Amino acid sequence: MYKFFFITIFVTVTLFNVAEANVLDRCKWKIFSPEKCKNENNKIKEIKTKDKTVSLKSDNDISVYTGTFDVIDKEGDDQTSLFGVEHKNTNLFKNTVLGTFSPVTGAFVTGKDSVFLYTGIEGQYGIGPLRILPSFTPGYYEKGSGKDLGAIFEFKSEIRVGLDLFSDTKIGYSYSHISNNDWGEKNPGTDNQAITFSKKF
């Protein structure tokens, strides 16, 4: 289990760091021209040159979650725990007539060494402090010593209900279904549930 866990975390964190390196680092290493850095002021919340403190807008939304893999286990031998991490960039949120949508990327590992790496799209709807977040995320599945889902390419459909604790912090519950749409040798599917904690950085 541990090798899959560390590989998953390493790949996920590496992708986040490469894709979402903040503006100040890119300016510091002169990847952006001075003019480009100047034009990126909309990403800076506050710059106090007197004491050289810099504060940025929260544009990275990181979620960690834990729960149960295969909650509806007819055979009784595939249910296990899961732990995952997920990332969204708030700068990429798009408002449309159908709601707010954003790309989402994540991964989870189960107690039986199964790994799922995924990326897709998430919708965002709010009623006061309540958040309803449906998502669709295709991805790569490695069964390890866990459940055989019939293919390495699987689709995850999920509905998450969250509650704003503070302006940048949410807690929520999610229920998801993973299957291969009958593209594999078999398609047993799996239903999962998790408690999620989200924080903007």
Protein backbone atom coordinates (compact mmCIF):
# COMPACT_ATOMS: atom_id res chain seq x y z
CA MET A 1 0.00 0.00 0.00
CA TYR A 2 2.72 2.45 0.96
CA LYS A 3 4.45 2.52 -2.41
CA PHE A 4 1.19 3.40 -4.16
CA PHE A 5 0.42 6.01 -1.50
CA PHE A 6 3.75 7.78 -1.86
CA ILE A 7 3.72 7.57 -5.67
CA THR A 8 0.22 9.08 -5.73
CA ILE A 9 1.09 11.92 -3.37
CA PHE A 10 4.37 12.64 -5.20
CA VAL A 11 2.77 12.80 -8.64
CA THR A 12 -0.12 14.93 -7.40
CA VAL A 13 2.03 17.41 -5.52
CA THR A 14 4.51 17.64 -8.40
CA LEU A 15 1.75 18.45 -10.88
CA PHE A 16 0.35 21.10 -8.55
CA ASN A 17 3.74 22.73 -8.07
CA VAL A 18 4.56 22.79 -11.77
CA ALA A 19 1.16 23.93 -12.97
CA GLU A 20 0.31 26.36 -10.19
CA ALA A 21 3.63 28.00 -9.28
CA ASN A 22 2.64 31.37 -7.85
CA VAL A 23 3.24 34.67 -9.54
CA LEU A 24 5.88 35.92 -7.15
CA ASP A 25 8.11 32.86 -7.68
CA ARG A 26 7.93 33.27 -11.44
CA CYS A 27 8.84 36.92 -11.11
CA LYS A 28 11.63 36.13 -8.66
CA TRP A 29 13.29 33.72 -11.08
CA LYS A 30 12.75 36.12 -14.00
CA ILE A 31 10.50 33.71 -15.88
CA PHE A 32 8.17 36.67 -16.33
CA SER A 33 9.41 39.99 -17.65
CA PRO A 34 9.11 43.04 -15.35
CA GLU A 35 6.17 44.21 -17.46
CA LYS A 36 4.45 40.84 -17.06
CA CYS A 37 4.99 40.90 -13.31
CA LYS A 38 3.55 44.38 -13.13
CA ASN A 39 0.48 43.25 -15.04
CA GLU A 40 -0.08 40.40 -12.58
CA ASN A 41 -1.05 42.80 -9.80
CA ASN A 42 -4.60 41.47 -9.86
CA LYS A 43 -3.25 38.29 -8.22
CA ILE A 44 -1.73 40.22 -5.34
CA LYS A 45 -3.97 41.16 -2.46
CA GLU A 46 -1.54 43.31 -0.56
CA ILE A 47 2.10 44.40 -0.89
CA LYS A 48 3.65 46.35 1.96
CA THR A 49 6.99 47.54 0.66
CA LYS A 50 7.87 49.19 3.95
CA ASP A 51 8.21 45.91 5.85
CA LYS A 52 8.50 43.75 2.71
CA THR A 53 5.45 41.62 3.53
CA VAL A 54 3.50 40.17 0.64
CA SER A 55 0.03 38.66 0.75
CA LEU A 56 -1.64 36.82 -2.13
CA LYS A 57 -5.22 36.05 -2.98
CA SER A 58 -6.24 32.49 -2.24
CA ASP A 59 -6.15 30.78 -5.64
CA ASN A 60 -5.38 27.17 -4.72
CA ASP A 61 -8.26 25.15 -3.27
CA ILE A 62 -6.92 21.94 -1.70
CA SER A 63 -9.21 19.20 -0.37
CA VAL A 64 -8.32 16.10 1.62
CA TYR A 65 -10.86 13.37 2.16
CA THR A 66 -11.24 10.00 3.81
CA GLY A 67 -14.03 7.46 3.79
CA THR A 68 -15.16 4.05 2.55
CA PHE A 69 -14.43 2.44 -0.82
CA ASP A 70 -17.15 0.13 -2.20
CA VAL A 71 -19.82 0.84 0.42
CA ILE A 72 -22.27 -1.45 -1.42
CA ASP A 73 -20.17 -4.62 -1.35
CA LYS A 74 -22.34 -7.59 -2.32
CA GLU A 75 -19.53 -10.13 -1.97
CA GLY A 76 -18.28 -8.68 1.30
CA ASP A 77 -14.57 -8.81 0.44
CA ASP A 78 -13.85 -5.52 -1.39
CA GLN A 79 -14.97 -2.85 1.07
CA THR A 80 -12.07 -0.90 2.52
CA SER A 81 -10.94 2.58 3.53
CA LEU A 82 -9.78 5.32 1.19
CA PHE A 83 -7.75 8.51 1.50
CA GLY A 84 -7.50 11.18 -1.18
CA VAL A 85 -6.40 14.68 -2.12
CA GLU A 86 -7.91 17.06 -4.67
CA HIS A 87 -6.97 20.40 -6.20
CA LYS A 88 -8.81 23.28 -7.87
CA ASN A 89 -7.45 26.64 -9.07
CA THR A 90 -9.98 29.39 -8.32
CA ASN A 91 -8.49 31.54 -11.11
CA LEU A 92 -9.88 28.99 -13.59
CA PHE A 93 -13.47 29.12 -12.32
CA LYS A 94 -15.87 30.03 -15.13
CA ASN A 95 -19.33 31.52 -14.64
CA THR A 96 -21.89 30.33 -17.20
CA VAL A 97 -25.67 30.36 -17.56
CA LEU A 98 -25.62 26.81 -16.15
CA GLY A 99 -23.58 27.75 -13.09
CA THR A 100 -19.93 28.02 -12.08
CA PHE A 101 -17.55 25.36 -13.38
CA SER A 102 -13.90 24.59 -12.71
CA PRO A 103 -11.32 21.94 -13.62
CA VAL A 104 -10.52 19.54 -10.80
CA THR A 105 -7.63 17.09 -10.38
CA GLY A 106 -7.08 14.52 -7.66
CA ALA A 107 -6.14 11.04 -6.52
CA PHE A 108 -7.02 8.54 -3.87
CA VAL A 109 -5.55 5.33 -2.50
CA THR A 110 -7.47 2.58 -0.72
CA GLY A 111 -6.60 0.29 2.16
CA LYS A 112 -6.05 -2.51 -0.38
CA ASP A 113 -3.50 -0.61 -2.50
CA SER A 114 -5.95 0.45 -5.22
CA VAL A 115 -5.11 3.84 -6.74
CA PHE A 116 -7.26 6.19 -8.81
CA LEU A 117 -5.79 9.27 -10.53
CA TYR A 118 -8.38 11.56 -12.10
CA THR A 119 -9.07 14.92 -13.70
CA GLY A 120 -12.28 16.49 -14.95
CA ILE A 121 -14.83 19.20 -14.28
CA GLU A 122 -16.84 20.27 -11.24
CA GLY A 123 -19.94 22.44 -11.00
CA GLN A 124 -20.51 24.79 -8.06
CA TYR A 125 -23.88 25.91 -6.71
CA GLY A 126 -24.57 27.71 -3.46
CA ILE A 127 -27.52 28.33 -1.15
CA GLY A 128 -26.25 30.57 1.61
CA PRO A 129 -23.39 28.72 3.36
CA LEU A 130 -24.40 25.44 1.69
CA ARG A 131 -22.45 24.25 -1.38
CA ILE A 132 -23.57 21.61 -3.87
CA LEU A 133 -20.71 20.34 -6.04
CA PRO A 134 -21.43 17.75 -8.77
CA SER A 135 -18.42 16.52 -10.75
CA PHE A 136 -17.40 14.17 -13.54
CA THR A 137 -13.79 12.97 -13.62
CA PRO A 138 -12.36 10.23 -15.85
CA GLY A 139 -9.12 8.68 -14.68
CA TYR A 140 -6.60 5.86 -14.39
CA TYR A 141 -7.35 2.98 -11.98
CA GLU A 142 -4.83 0.49 -10.61
CA LYS A 143 -6.50 -2.27 -8.60
CA GLY A 144 -3.49 -3.32 -6.50
CA SER A 145 -4.79 -6.07 -4.21
CA GLY A 146 -8.26 -4.51 -4.17
CA LYS A 147 -11.35 -4.62 -6.35
CA ASP A 148 -11.03 -5.40 -10.06
CA LEU A 149 -13.17 -2.81 -11.88
CA GLY A 150 -12.59 -4.41 -15.28
CA ALA A 151 -10.45 -1.70 -16.91
CA ILE A 152 -7.70 0.78 -16.16
CA PHE A 153 -9.76 3.67 -17.56
CA GLU A 154 -12.71 4.49 -15.32
CA PHE A 155 -15.24 7.30 -14.86
CA LYS A 156 -16.09 8.86 -11.51
CA SER A 157 -19.39 10.68 -11.01
CA GLU A 158 -19.73 12.45 -7.69
CA ILE A 159 -22.04 14.69 -5.73
CA ARG A 160 -20.62 16.62 -2.79
CA VAL A 161 -22.49 18.71 -0.26
CA GLY A 162 -20.35 21.21 1.65
CA LEU A 163 -20.76 23.79 4.36
CA ASP A 164 -18.74 27.00 4.62
CA LEU A 165 -17.08 27.07 8.04
CA PHE A 166 -15.11 30.24 7.31
CA SER A 167 -14.50 32.31 4.18
CA ASP A 168 -11.77 29.95 2.90
CA THR A 169 -12.65 26.69 4.68
CA LYS A 170 -15.31 24.05 3.97
CA ILE A 171 -16.30 20.68 5.32
CA GLY A 172 -18.46 18.30 3.33
CA TYR A 173 -19.79 14.85 2.52
CA SER A 174 -19.43 13.19 -0.88
CA TYR A 175 -20.91 10.14 -2.58
CA SER A 176 -19.39 8.84 -5.80
CA HIS A 177 -19.78 6.05 -8.32
CA ILE A 178 -16.91 4.68 -10.42
CA SER A 179 -17.40 2.47 -13.48
CA ASN A 180 -16.02 1.93 -16.99
CA ASN A 181 -19.30 2.35 -18.94
CA ASP A 182 -19.03 -1.31 -20.06
CA TRP A 183 -15.83 -0.59 -21.96
CA GLY A 184 -13.87 -3.17 -19.98
CA GLU A 185 -13.93 -6.95 -19.67
CA LYS A 186 -16.46 -6.50 -16.89
CA ASN A 187 -18.05 -3.55 -15.12
CA PRO A 188 -18.85 -4.23 -11.45
CA GLY A 189 -18.50 -0.57 -10.50
CA THR A 190 -18.05 0.77 -7.00
CA ASP A 191 -19.85 3.28 -4.79
CA ASN A 192 -17.85 5.31 -2.31
CA GLN A 193 -18.45 7.88 0.40
CA ALA A 194 -16.14 10.31 2.14
CA ILE A 195 -15.86 13.25 4.51
CA THR A 196 -14.00 16.16 2.92
CA PHE A 197 -12.08 19.09 4.37
CA SER A 198 -11.24 21.94 1.96
CA LYS A 199 -9.00 24.97 2.40
CA LYS A 200 -7.90 27.77 0.09
CA PHE A 201 -4.21 28.72 0.13
